[in-house]
PDB file of N, CA and C in Angstrom:
ATOM      1  N   UNK A   1       0.850  -1.174   0.000  1.00  0.00           N
ATOM      2  CA  UNK A   1       0.000   0.000   0.000  1.00  0.00           C
ATOM      3  C   UNK A   1       0.894   1.234   0.000  1.00  0.00           C
ATOM      4  N   UNK A   2       0.530   2.190  -0.794  1.00  0.00           N
ATOM      5  CA  UNK A   2       1.260   3.448  -0.855  1.00  0.00           C
ATOM      6  C   UNK A   2       0.346   4.561  -0.371  1.00  0.00           C
ATOM      7  N   UNK A   3       0.901   5.491   0.359  1.00  0.00           N
ATOM      8  CA  UNK A   3       0.146   6.672   0.766  1.00  0.00           C
ATOM      9  C   UNK A   3       0.755   7.865   0.057  1.00  0.00           C
ATOM     10  N   UNK A   4      -0.074   8.562  -0.718  1.00  0.00           N
ATOM     11  CA  UNK A   4       0.378   9.755  -1.425  1.00  0.00           C
ATOM     12  C   UNK A   4      -0.008  10.975  -0.603  1.00  0.00           C
ATOM     13  N   UNK A   5       0.836  11.990  -0.629  1.00  0.00           N
ATOM     14  CA  UNK A   5       0.581  13.218   0.120  1.00  0.00           C
ATOM     15  C   UNK A   5       0.438  14.363  -0.880  1.00  0.00           C
ATOM     16  N   UNK A   6      -0.645  15.129  -0.734  1.00  0.00           N
ATOM     17  CA  UNK A   6      -0.905  16.258  -1.619  1.00  0.00           C
ATOM     18  C   UNK A   6      -1.115  17.517  -0.798  1.00  0.00           C
ATOM     19  N   UNK A   7      -0.474  18.595  -1.204  1.00  0.00           N
ATOM     20  CA  UNK A   7      -0.697  19.896  -0.568  1.00  0.00           C
ATOM     21  C   UNK A   7      -1.735  20.631  -1.393  1.00  0.00           C
ATOM     22  N   UNK A   8      -2.695  21.256  -0.719  1.00  0.00           N
ATOM     23  CA  UNK A   8      -3.774  21.959  -1.407  1.00  0.00           C
ATOM     24  C   UNK A   8      -3.778  23.405  -0.927  1.00  0.00           C
ATOM     25  N   UNK A   9      -3.741  24.351  -1.856  1.00  0.00           N
ATOM     26  CA  UNK A   9      -3.727  25.770  -1.484  1.00  0.00           C
ATOM     27  C   UNK A   9      -4.996  26.158  -0.746  1.00  0.00           C
ATOM     28  N   UNK A  10      -6.126  25.838  -1.328  1.00  0.00           N
ATOM     29  CA  UNK A  10      -7.386  26.191  -0.692  1.00  0.00           C
ATOM     30  C   UNK A  10      -8.376  25.077  -0.994  1.00  0.00           C
ATOM     31  N   UNK A  11      -8.960  24.553   0.040  1.00  0.00           N
ATOM     32  CA  UNK A  11      -9.866  23.431  -0.110  1.00  0.00           C
ATOM     33  C   UNK A  11     -11.153  23.754   0.614  1.00  0.00           C
ATOM     34  N   UNK A  12     -12.217  23.953  -0.148  1.00  0.00           N
ATOM     35  CA  UNK A  12     -13.511  24.356   0.410  1.00  0.00           C
ATOM     36  C   UNK A  12     -13.319  25.603   1.272  1.00  0.00           C
ATOM     37  N   UNK A  13     -13.753  25.555   2.537  1.00  0.00           N
ATOM     38  CA  UNK A  13     -13.656  26.723   3.414  1.00  0.00           C
ATOM     39  C   UNK A  13     -12.367  26.737   4.235  1.00  0.00           C
ATOM     40  N   UNK A  14     -11.509  25.799   3.994  1.00  0.00           N
ATOM     41  CA  UNK A  14     -10.282  25.699   4.777  1.00  0.00           C
ATOM     42  C   UNK A  14      -9.147  26.465   4.114  1.00  0.00           C
ATOM     43  N   UNK A  15      -8.160  26.735   4.895  1.00  0.00           N
ATOM     44  CA  UNK A  15      -6.935  27.325   4.336  1.00  0.00           C
ATOM     45  C   UNK A  15      -6.111  26.190   3.738  1.00  0.00           C
ATOM     46  N   UNK A  16      -4.854  26.461   3.511  1.00  0.00           N
ATOM     47  CA  UNK A  16      -3.982  25.437   2.945  1.00  0.00           C
ATOM     48  C   UNK A  16      -4.078  24.177   3.789  1.00  0.00           C
ATOM     49  N   UNK A  17      -4.040  23.061   3.112  1.00  0.00           N
ATOM     50  CA  UNK A  17      -4.225  21.799   3.809  1.00  0.00           C
ATOM     51  C   UNK A  17      -3.415  20.716   3.113  1.00  0.00           C
ATOM     52  N   UNK A  18      -3.431  19.565   3.696  1.00  0.00           N
ATOM     53  CA  UNK A  18      -2.720  18.438   3.135  1.00  0.00           C
ATOM     54  C   UNK A  18      -3.688  17.254   3.098  1.00  0.00           C
ATOM     55  N   UNK A  19      -3.654  16.517   2.025  1.00  0.00           N
ATOM     56  CA  UNK A  19      -4.493  15.335   1.884  1.00  0.00           C
ATOM     57  C   UNK A  19      -3.583  14.115   1.815  1.00  0.00           C
ATOM     58  N   UNK A  20      -3.916  13.116   2.622  1.00  0.00           N
ATOM     59  CA  UNK A  20      -3.247  11.824   2.529  1.00  0.00           C
ATOM     60  C   UNK A  20      -4.181  10.908   1.752  1.00  0.00           C
ATOM     61  N   UNK A  21      -3.656  10.265   0.727  1.00  0.00           N
ATOM     62  CA  UNK A  21      -4.479   9.413  -0.128  1.00  0.00           C
ATOM     63  C   UNK A  21      -3.861   8.033  -0.213  1.00  0.00           C
ATOM     64  N   UNK A  22      -4.620   7.024   0.226  1.00  0.00           N
ATOM     65  CA  UNK A  22      -4.165   5.643   0.089  1.00  0.00           C
ATOM     66  C   UNK A  22      -4.446   5.183  -1.329  1.00  0.00           C
ATOM     67  N   UNK A  23      -3.462   4.536  -1.931  1.00  0.00           N
ATOM     68  CA  UNK A  23      -3.661   4.056  -3.297  1.00  0.00           C
ATOM     69  C   UNK A  23      -4.382   2.719  -3.319  1.00  0.00           C
ATOM     70  N   UNK A  24      -4.418   2.028  -2.179  1.00  0.00           N
ATOM     71  CA  UNK A  24      -5.143   0.770  -2.061  1.00  0.00           C
ATOM     72  C   UNK A  24      -5.866   0.761  -0.718  1.00  0.00           C
ATOM     73  N   UNK A  25      -6.986   0.055  -0.684  1.00  0.00           N
ATOM     74  CA  UNK A  25      -7.714  -0.094   0.568  1.00  0.00           C
ATOM     75  C   UNK A  25      -8.033  -1.571   0.767  1.00  0.00           C
ATOM     76  N   UNK A  26      -8.176  -2.001   2.027  1.00  0.00           N
ATOM     77  CA  UNK A  26      -8.466  -3.416   2.251  1.00  0.00           C
ATOM     78  C   UNK A  26      -9.908  -3.754   1.875  1.00  0.00           C
ATOM     79  N   UNK A  27     -10.096  -4.948   1.373  1.00  0.00           N
ATOM     80  CA  UNK A  27     -11.452  -5.434   1.117  1.00  0.00           C
ATOM     81  C   UNK A  27     -12.127  -5.684   2.471  1.00  0.00           C
ATOM     82  N   UNK A  28     -13.411  -5.997   2.464  1.00  0.00           N
ATOM     83  CA  UNK A  28     -14.097  -6.275   3.719  1.00  0.00           C
ATOM     84  C   UNK A  28     -13.495  -7.486   4.414  1.00  0.00           C
ATOM     85  N   UNK A  29     -13.100  -8.484   3.649  1.00  0.00           N
ATOM     86  CA  UNK A  29     -12.495  -9.679   4.224  1.00  0.00           C
ATOM     87  C   UNK A  29     -11.167  -9.335   4.907  1.00  0.00           C
ATOM     88  N   UNK A  30     -10.358  -8.495   4.261  1.00  0.00           N
ATOM     89  CA  UNK A  30      -9.090  -8.080   4.858  1.00  0.00           C
ATOM     90  C   UNK A  30      -9.327  -7.244   6.107  1.00  0.00           C
ATOM     91  N   UNK A  31     -10.310  -6.350   6.069  1.00  0.00           N
ATOM     92  CA  UNK A  31     -10.631  -5.522   7.241  1.00  0.00           C
ATOM     93  C   UNK A  31     -11.051  -6.407   8.408  1.00  0.00           C
ATOM     94  N   UNK A  32     -11.817  -7.460   8.140  1.00  0.00           N
ATOM     95  CA  UNK A  32     -12.227  -8.391   9.194  1.00  0.00           C
ATOM     96  C   UNK A  32     -11.016  -9.124   9.756  1.00  0.00           C
ATOM     97  N   UNK A  33     -10.091  -9.518   8.884  1.00  0.00           N
ATOM     98  CA  UNK A  33      -8.868 -10.178   9.346  1.00  0.00           C
ATOM     99  C   UNK A  33      -8.080  -9.251  10.276  1.00  0.00           C
ATOM    100  N   UNK A  34      -8.020  -7.956   9.926  1.00  0.00           N
ATOM    101  CA  UNK A  34      -7.346  -6.993  10.803  1.00  0.00           C
ATOM    102  C   UNK A  34      -8.035  -6.932  12.164  1.00  0.00           C
ATOM    103  N   UNK A  35      -9.367  -6.944  12.163  1.00  0.00           N
ATOM    104  CA  UNK A  35     -10.108  -6.911  13.424  1.00  0.00           C
ATOM    105  C   UNK A  35      -9.783  -8.134  14.270  1.00  0.00           C
ATOM    106  N   UNK A  36      -9.736  -9.294  13.641  1.00  0.00           N
ATOM    107  CA  UNK A  36      -9.406 -10.511  14.378  1.00  0.00           C
ATOM    108  C   UNK A  36      -7.996 -10.441  14.961  1.00  0.00           C
ATOM    109  N   UNK A  37      -7.070  -9.886  14.188  1.00  0.00           N
ATOM    110  CA  UNK A  37      -5.703  -9.732  14.694  1.00  0.00           C
ATOM    111  C   UNK A  37      -5.669  -8.781  15.886  1.00  0.00           C
ATOM    112  N   UNK A  38      -6.442  -7.690  15.793  1.00  0.00           N
ATOM    113  CA  UNK A  38      -6.486  -6.728  16.895  1.00  0.00           C
ATOM    114  C   UNK A  38      -7.050  -7.355  18.160  1.00  0.00           C
ATOM    115  N   UNK A  39      -8.042  -8.195  17.997  1.00  0.00           N
ATOM    116  CA  UNK A  39      -8.725  -8.786  19.147  1.00  0.00           C
ATOM    117  C   UNK A  39      -7.959  -9.961  19.741  1.00  0.00           C
ATOM    118  N   UNK A  40      -7.033 -10.512  18.994  1.00  0.00           N
ATOM    119  CA  UNK A  40      -6.307 -11.680  19.486  1.00  0.00           C
ATOM    120  C   UNK A  40      -5.328 -11.266  20.576  1.00  0.00           C
ATOM    121  N   UNK A  41      -4.948 -12.219  21.351  1.00  0.00           N
ATOM    122  CA  UNK A  41      -3.976 -11.950  22.414  1.00  0.00           C
ATOM    123  C   UNK A  41      -2.575 -12.321  21.949  1.00  0.00           C
ATOM    124  N   UNK A  42      -2.359 -12.267  20.644  1.00  0.00           N
ATOM    125  CA  UNK A  42      -1.079 -12.691  20.080  1.00  0.00           C
ATOM    126  C   UNK A  42       0.088 -11.844  20.552  1.00  0.00           C
ATOM    127  N   UNK A  43      -0.172 -10.617  21.006  1.00  0.00           N
ATOM    128  CA  UNK A  43       0.928  -9.765  21.439  1.00  0.00           C
ATOM    129  C   UNK A  43       1.265  -9.954  22.910  1.00  0.00           C
ATOM    130  N   UNK A  44       0.398 -10.613  23.654  1.00  0.00           N
ATOM    131  CA  UNK A  44       0.679 -10.876  25.057  1.00  0.00           C
ATOM    132  C   UNK A  44       1.467 -12.168  25.148  1.00  0.00           C
ATOM    133  N   UNK A  45       2.703 -12.071  24.807  1.00  0.00           N
ATOM    134  CA  UNK A  45       3.540 -13.251  24.716  1.00  0.00           C
ATOM    135  C   UNK A  45       4.190 -13.576  26.055  1.00  0.00           C
ATOM    136  N   UNK A  46       4.174 -14.855  26.382  1.00  0.00           N
ATOM    137  CA  UNK A  46       4.756 -15.308  27.638  1.00  0.00           C
ATOM    138  C   UNK A  46       5.605 -16.542  27.393  1.00  0.00           C
ATOM    139  N   UNK A  47       6.485 -16.783  28.327  1.00  0.00           N
ATOM    140  CA  UNK A  47       7.287 -17.996  28.335  1.00  0.00           C
ATOM    141  C   UNK A  47       6.975 -18.764  29.608  1.00  0.00           C
ATOM    142  N   UNK A  48       7.061 -20.086  29.554  1.00  0.00           N
ATOM    143  CA  UNK A  48       6.894 -20.851  30.784  1.00  0.00           C
ATOM    144  C   UNK A  48       7.934 -20.418  31.817  1.00  0.00           C
ATOM    145  N   UNK A  49       7.514 -20.352  33.076  1.00  0.00           N
ATOM    146  CA  UNK A  49       8.423 -19.918  34.142  1.00  0.00           C
ATOM    147  C   UNK A  49       8.289 -20.844  35.350  1.00  0.00           C
ATOM    148  N   UNK A  50       8.280 -22.140  35.074  1.00  0.00           N
ATOM    149  CA  UNK A  50       8.205 -23.110  36.154  1.00  0.00           C
ATOM    150  C   UNK A  50       6.782 -23.310  36.651  1.00  0.00           C
ATOM    151  N   UNK A  51       6.708 -23.764  37.898  1.00  0.00           N
ATOM    152  CA  UNK A  51       5.411 -24.023  38.518  1.00  0.00           C
ATOM    153  C   UNK A  51       5.372 -23.377  39.891  1.00  0.00           C
ATOM    154  N   UNK A  52       4.152 -23.086  40.343  1.00  0.00           N
ATOM    155  CA  UNK A  52       4.017 -22.588  41.705  1.00  0.00           C
ATOM    156  C   UNK A  52       3.932 -23.790  42.653  1.00  0.00           C
ATOM    157  N   UNK A  53       3.746 -23.542  43.959  1.00  0.00           N
ATOM    158  CA  UNK A  53       3.769 -24.625  44.954  1.00  0.00           C
ATOM    159  C   UNK A  53       2.598 -25.595  44.777  1.00  0.00           C
ATOM    160  N   UNK A  54       1.551 -25.184  44.072  1.00  0.00           N
ATOM    161  CA  UNK A  54       0.409 -26.067  43.828  1.00  0.00           C
ATOM    162  C   UNK A  54       0.553 -26.834  42.510  1.00  0.00           C
ATOM    163  N   UNK A  55       1.658 -26.660  41.825  1.00  0.00           N
ATOM    164  CA  UNK A  55       1.900 -27.374  40.581  1.00  0.00           C
ATOM    165  C   UNK A  55       1.298 -26.724  39.345  1.00  0.00           C
ATOM    166  N   UNK A  56       0.801 -25.499  39.512  1.00  0.00           N
ATOM    167  CA  UNK A  56       0.247 -24.787  38.358  1.00  0.00           C
ATOM    168  C   UNK A  56       1.371 -24.107  37.584  1.00  0.00           C
ATOM    169  N   UNK A  57       1.184 -24.035  36.277  1.00  0.00           N
ATOM    170  CA  UNK A  57       2.191 -23.391  35.429  1.00  0.00           C
ATOM    171  C   UNK A  57       2.277 -21.913  35.761  1.00  0.00           C
ATOM    172  N   UNK A  58       3.493 -21.402  35.776  1.00  0.00           N
ATOM    173  CA  UNK A  58       3.717 -19.962  35.920  1.00  0.00           C
ATOM    174  C   UNK A  58       4.208 -19.444  34.581  1.00  0.00           C
ATOM    175  N   UNK A  59       3.888 -18.190  34.315  1.00  0.00           N
ATOM    176  CA  UNK A  59       4.266 -17.589  33.044  1.00  0.00           C
ATOM    177  C   UNK A  59       4.981 -16.269  33.282  1.00  0.00           C
ATOM    178  N   UNK A  60       5.930 -15.984  32.425  1.00  0.00           N
ATOM    179  CA  UNK A  60       6.688 -14.742  32.505  1.00  0.00           C
ATOM    180  C   UNK A  60       6.514 -14.002  31.180  1.00  0.00           C
ATOM    181  N   UNK A  61       6.210 -12.694  31.287  1.00  0.00           N
ATOM    182  CA  UNK A  61       6.068 -11.897  30.065  1.00  0.00           C
ATOM    183  C   UNK A  61       7.394 -11.808  29.325  1.00  0.00           C
ATOM    184  N   UNK A  62       7.310 -11.821  28.012  1.00  0.00           N
ATOM    185  CA  UNK A  62       8.513 -11.635  27.196  1.00  0.00           C
ATOM    186  C   UNK A  62       8.979 -10.190  27.290  1.00  0.00           C
ATOM    187  N   UNK A  63      10.240  -9.944  27.011  1.00  0.00           N
ATOM    188  CA  UNK A  63      10.733  -8.562  26.976  1.00  0.00           C
ATOM    189  C   UNK A  63       9.988  -7.751  25.906  1.00  0.00           C
ATOM    190  N   UNK A  64       9.857  -6.467  26.159  1.00  0.00           N
ATOM    191  CA  UNK A  64       9.132  -5.575  25.247  1.00  0.00           C
ATOM    192  C   UNK A  64       9.685  -5.672  23.826  1.00  0.00           C
ATOM    193  N   UNK A  65      10.999  -5.734  23.690  1.00  0.00           N
ATOM    194  CA  UNK A  65      11.610  -5.800  22.356  1.00  0.00           C
ATOM    195  C   UNK A  65      11.102  -7.014  21.583  1.00  0.00           C
ATOM    196  N   UNK A  66      10.934  -8.146  22.265  1.00  0.00           N
ATOM    197  CA  UNK A  66      10.443  -9.357  21.610  1.00  0.00           C
ATOM    198  C   UNK A  66       8.978  -9.208  21.210  1.00  0.00           C
ATOM    199  N   UNK A  67       8.201  -8.538  22.049  1.00  0.00           N
ATOM    200  CA  UNK A  67       6.791  -8.322  21.738  1.00  0.00           C
ATOM    201  C   UNK A  67       6.655  -7.412  20.519  1.00  0.00           C
ATOM    202  N   UNK A  68       7.462  -6.347  20.452  1.00  0.00           N
ATOM    203  CA  UNK A  68       7.429  -5.432  19.310  1.00  0.00           C
ATOM    204  C   UNK A  68       7.820  -6.176  18.039  1.00  0.00           C
ATOM    205  N   UNK A  69       8.873  -6.973  18.114  1.00  0.00           N
ATOM    206  CA  UNK A  69       9.290  -7.747  16.936  1.00  0.00           C
ATOM    207  C   UNK A  69       8.165  -8.674  16.497  1.00  0.00           C
ATOM    208  N   UNK A  70       7.497  -9.313  17.448  1.00  0.00           N
ATOM    209  CA  UNK A  70       6.383 -10.210  17.129  1.00  0.00           C
ATOM    210  C   UNK A  70       5.252  -9.439  16.433  1.00  0.00           C
ATOM    211  N   UNK A  71       4.969  -8.235  16.913  1.00  0.00           N
ATOM    212  CA  UNK A  71       3.911  -7.419  16.302  1.00  0.00           C
ATOM    213  C   UNK A  71       4.238  -7.130  14.841  1.00  0.00           C
ATOM    214  N   UNK A  72       5.491  -6.763  14.568  1.00  0.00           N
ATOM    215  CA  UNK A  72       5.881  -6.478  13.192  1.00  0.00           C
ATOM    216  C   UNK A  72       5.870  -7.743  12.344  1.00  0.00           C
ATOM    217  N   UNK A  73       6.283  -8.870  12.921  1.00  0.00           N
ATOM    218  CA  UNK A  73       6.238 -10.138  12.189  1.00  0.00           C
ATOM    219  C   UNK A  73       4.796 -10.506  11.831  1.00  0.00           C
ATOM    220  N   UNK A  74       3.875 -10.316  12.790  1.00  0.00           N
ATOM    221  CA  UNK A  74       2.455 -10.593  12.530  1.00  0.00           C
ATOM    222  C   UNK A  74       1.909  -9.685  11.435  1.00  0.00           C
ATOM    223  N   UNK A  75       2.232  -8.390  11.517  1.00  0.00           N
ATOM    224  CA  UNK A  75       1.741  -7.440  10.510  1.00  0.00           C
ATOM    225  C   UNK A  75       2.273  -7.804   9.129  1.00  0.00           C
ATOM    226  N   UNK A  76       3.561  -8.104   9.054  1.00  0.00           N
ATOM    227  CA  UNK A  76       4.175  -8.459   7.772  1.00  0.00           C
ATOM    228  C   UNK A  76       3.524  -9.710   7.192  1.00  0.00           C
ATOM    229  N   UNK A  77       3.317 -10.725   8.022  1.00  0.00           N
ATOM    230  CA  UNK A  77       2.702 -11.967   7.556  1.00  0.00           C
ATOM    231  C   UNK A  77       1.251 -11.730   7.127  1.00  0.00           C
ATOM    232  N   UNK A  78       0.516 -10.908   7.886  1.00  0.00           N
ATOM    233  CA  UNK A  78      -0.886 -10.640   7.555  1.00  0.00           C
ATOM    234  C   UNK A  78      -0.994  -9.910   6.216  1.00  0.00           C
ATOM    235  N   UNK A  79      -0.180  -8.881   6.009  1.00  0.00           N
ATOM    236  CA  UNK A  79      -0.224  -8.143   4.746  1.00  0.00           C
ATOM    237  C   UNK A  79       0.174  -9.042   3.578  1.00  0.00           C
ATOM    238  N   UNK A  80       1.188  -9.871   3.770  1.00  0.00           N
ATOM    239  CA  UNK A  80       1.613 -10.776   2.697  1.00  0.00           C
ATOM    240  C   UNK A  80       0.484 -11.730   2.337  1.00  0.00           C
ATOM    241  N   UNK A  81      -0.154 -12.308   3.340  1.00  0.00           N
ATOM    242  CA  UNK A  81      -1.248 -13.246   3.079  1.00  0.00           C
ATOM    243  C   UNK A  81      -2.411 -12.549   2.362  1.00  0.00           C
ATOM    244  N   UNK A  82      -2.729 -11.342   2.783  1.00  0.00           N
ATOM    245  CA  UNK A  82      -3.833 -10.610   2.150  1.00  0.00           C
ATOM    246  C   UNK A  82      -3.496 -10.245   0.707  1.00  0.00           C
ATOM    247  N   UNK A  83      -2.241  -9.903   0.451  1.00  0.00           N
ATOM    248  CA  UNK A  83      -1.837  -9.616  -0.929  1.00  0.00           C
ATOM    249  C   UNK A  83      -1.872 -10.893  -1.768  1.00  0.00           C
ATOM    250  N   UNK A  84      -1.378 -12.008  -1.176  1.00  0.00           N
ATOM    251  CA  UNK A  84      -1.405 -13.286  -1.900  1.00  0.00           C
ATOM    252  C   UNK A  84      -2.836 -13.684  -2.256  1.00  0.00           C
ATOM    253  N   UNK A  85      -3.782 -13.344  -1.391  1.00  0.00           N
ATOM    254  CA  UNK A  85      -5.196 -13.671  -1.640  1.00  0.00           C
ATOM    255  C   UNK A  85      -5.911 -12.579  -2.437  1.00  0.00           C
ATOM    256  N   UNK A  86      -5.170 -11.563  -2.809  1.00  0.00           N
ATOM    257  CA  UNK A  86      -5.696 -10.429  -3.598  1.00  0.00           C
ATOM    258  C   UNK A  86      -6.886  -9.768  -2.897  1.00  0.00           C
ATOM    259  N   UNK A  87      -6.683  -9.448  -1.619  1.00  0.00           N
ATOM    260  CA  UNK A  87      -7.738  -8.830  -0.818  1.00  0.00           C
ATOM    261  C   UNK A  87      -7.601  -7.314  -0.730  1.00  0.00           C
ATOM    262  N   UNK A  88      -6.754  -6.725  -1.552  1.00  0.00           N
ATOM    263  CA  UNK A  88      -6.623  -5.272  -1.608  1.00  0.00           C
ATOM    264  C   UNK A  88      -7.222  -4.798  -2.910  1.00  0.00           C
ATOM    265  N   UNK A  89      -7.910  -3.689  -2.874  1.00  0.00           N
ATOM    266  CA  UNK A  89      -8.510  -3.138  -4.090  1.00  0.00           C
ATOM    267  C   UNK A  89      -7.951  -1.735  -4.319  1.00  0.00           C
ATOM    268  N   UNK A  90      -7.840  -1.355  -5.576  1.00  0.00           N
ATOM    269  CA  UNK A  90      -7.310  -0.031  -5.915  1.00  0.00           C
ATOM    270  C   UNK A  90      -8.306   1.047  -5.492  1.00  0.00           C
ATOM    271  N   UNK A  91      -7.798   2.108  -4.932  1.00  0.00           N
ATOM    272  CA  UNK A  91      -8.634   3.251  -4.558  1.00  0.00           C
ATOM    273  C   UNK A  91      -8.780   4.160  -5.780  1.00  0.00           C
ATOM    274  N   UNK A  92      -9.842   4.981  -5.810  1.00  0.00           N
ATOM    275  CA  UNK A  92      -9.990   5.922  -6.928  1.00  0.00           C
ATOM    276  C   UNK A  92      -8.798   6.876  -6.994  1.00  0.00           C
ATOM    277  N   UNK A  93      -8.484   7.326  -8.174  1.00  0.00           N
ATOM    278  CA  UNK A  93      -7.396   8.277  -8.365  1.00  0.00           C
ATOM    279  C   UNK A  93      -7.705   9.571  -7.617  1.00  0.00           C
ATOM    280  N   UNK A  94      -6.695  10.188  -7.028  1.00  0.00           N
ATOM    281  CA  UNK A  94      -6.884  11.392  -6.209  1.00  0.00           C
ATOM    282  C   UNK A  94      -7.495  12.535  -7.017  1.00  0.00           C
ATOM    283  N   UNK A  95      -7.156  12.654  -8.285  1.00  0.00           N
ATOM    284  CA  UNK A  95      -7.697  13.763  -9.083  1.00  0.00           C
ATOM    285  C   UNK A  95      -9.217  13.649  -9.205  1.00  0.00           C
ATOM    286  N   UNK A  96      -9.740  12.436  -9.308  1.00  0.00           N
ATOM    287  CA  UNK A  96     -11.190  12.245  -9.367  1.00  0.00           C
ATOM    288  C   UNK A  96     -11.837  12.597  -8.034  1.00  0.00           C
ATOM    289  N   UNK A  97     -11.196  12.215  -6.940  1.00  0.00           N
ATOM    290  CA  UNK A  97     -11.742  12.522  -5.614  1.00  0.00           C
ATOM    291  C   UNK A  97     -11.789  14.029  -5.371  1.00  0.00           C
ATOM    292  N   UNK A  98     -10.717  14.728  -5.679  1.00  0.00           N
ATOM    293  CA  UNK A  98     -10.654  16.163  -5.462  1.00  0.00           C
ATOM    294  C   UNK A  98     -11.696  16.876  -6.324  1.00  0.00           C
ATOM    295  N   UNK A  99     -11.838  16.447  -7.581  1.00  0.00           N
ATOM    296  CA  UNK A  99     -12.818  17.058  -8.484  1.00  0.00           C
ATOM    297  C   UNK A  99     -14.226  16.907  -7.897  1.00  0.00           C
ATOM    298  N   UNK A 100     -14.567  15.731  -7.415  1.00  0.00           N
ATOM    299  CA  UNK A 100     -15.900  15.511  -6.834  1.00  0.00           C
ATOM    300  C   UNK A 100     -16.089  16.359  -5.591  1.00  0.00           C
ATOM    301  N   UNK A 101     -15.090  16.408  -4.713  1.00  0.00           N
ATOM    302  CA  UNK A 101     -15.214  17.182  -3.473  1.00  0.00           C
ATOM    303  C   UNK A 101     -15.326  18.680  -3.746  1.00  0.00           C
ATOM    304  N   UNK A 102     -14.591  19.180  -4.725  1.00  0.00           N
ATOM    305  CA  UNK A 102     -14.636  20.609  -5.032  1.00  0.00           C
ATOM    306  C   UNK A 102     -15.970  21.001  -5.644  1.00  0.00           C
ATOM    307  N   UNK A 103     -16.637  20.066  -6.318  1.00  0.00           N
ATOM    308  CA  UNK A 103     -17.924  20.348  -6.952  1.00  0.00           C
ATOM    309  C   UNK A 103     -19.092  20.277  -5.970  1.00  0.00           C
ATOM    310  N   UNK A 104     -18.857  19.760  -4.786  1.00  0.00           N
ATOM    311  CA  UNK A 104     -19.942  19.669  -3.775  1.00  0.00           C
ATOM    312  C   UNK A 104     -20.369  21.021  -3.288  1.00  0.00           C
TER     313      UNK A 104
END
């Protein structure tokens, strides 16, 4: 996905502004996959840390650096899978969007 940045001298009633335009957007299926990833506890990573006196498993949180790396690995894998499944669709060209908005 690419994000294009456009500077606009005057846009409707606003002064100079900037528009960020995504060249691709996720399909509904991809958006749902993102929601599932957000809701998962995949980032709360733990390692076994022995047992307590009652024989129950104890867990220790992973270092923050490992959790961050895991988050990026998950994001990279999710985007790759969504691209492989062709779940991204092209967004309208920015010139068409601006023309429609200016005519409103």
